[in-house]
Amino acid sequence: MSKATCTAVIAEDEALLRSAMLEQLREAWPQLDIVAECEDGASALEAIDEHQPDVAFLDIRMPGLTGLEVAAAAAQASPHTQIVFVTAYDQYAIDAFDRGAIDYLLKPIARERLAATVQRLKLRAASGASDAAALNAVLERLGATLPRNPSRPPLTWLTASAGRETRLILVDDVAYFRADNKYTTVMTAEGEALLRTPIRELLSVLDTDTFKQIHRSTIVNLKAIASIVRDDTGKGTVRLKNRPETLTVSQPFMTLFRHM
């Protein structure tokens, strides 16, 4: 990050907060070039992989991939990228970040705190510091202490259309979801149906222990996977138990499957 202009990715699912953060960063760090503004974890990970930014500002709570999962995957997709978490959970963050290797901002973001964070990022970059072990320790601690999202229970049934028919589909029977413009294609062993809900809205109501994004446009049911194979380029291929087609896992998303 020795170049005059530094690059950054911002990931915040609430549009107003994202816009406010952008304006604050422009004021606190005029030389910073925001190369991508993302509203969910999957698009943030893809942006980090594509742009290899100097800094990524990640909301910890996002639809689909959390900021913690994005940071873990980004450690391999773009190792030099510094991570700054944005969180409302101050009682957890303060303890987890006490080593100082990874920075954090509390919502609402205070101007003085952001200025101090920017200064630390610049100093850390100038020294060439990169502490992967410290990042992993922070991720493990946060993952163990942050409370689960108190939102409504995971979706159990959904209503989708197949031609002129309307089907009631058990979510556990879904092999995968795929974005289809403003709608979502639902794939089961019996065939496909159309859900009049954008894929991004599904992310907040699906059980994240069962359903995982494998790139921005596809969410797969882990129970429907027969195998995952990685090729020489780092991309993966998912073979399904009850569907003949295979699904591609984008390279940065393969990190999410390393413990499977």
Foldseek 3Di string as FASTA:
>chain_A
DPDQAFEEEEEAQDPVLLVVVVVLCCVLPVRYHYPYYHNALQVRLVCCLVVLGQEYEAEQDGFFDGSLNSVLLSCVSRVNYAYEYEYQPVVQLCVLCVVVSHHYAYPVGDSVNVNVVVVSSVVCVVVVDGDPVSSVSSSVSCVVPPDDDPDDAADQWAWFADVPDIDIDGPLQFFKWFADPQWIWTQGLVGITIGNHGPRVNRVRHDSVQWHDLHDGMIGGNVQFPDWDADPVQKIWTDGDRDHDIDIRDNSSVSVVPVD
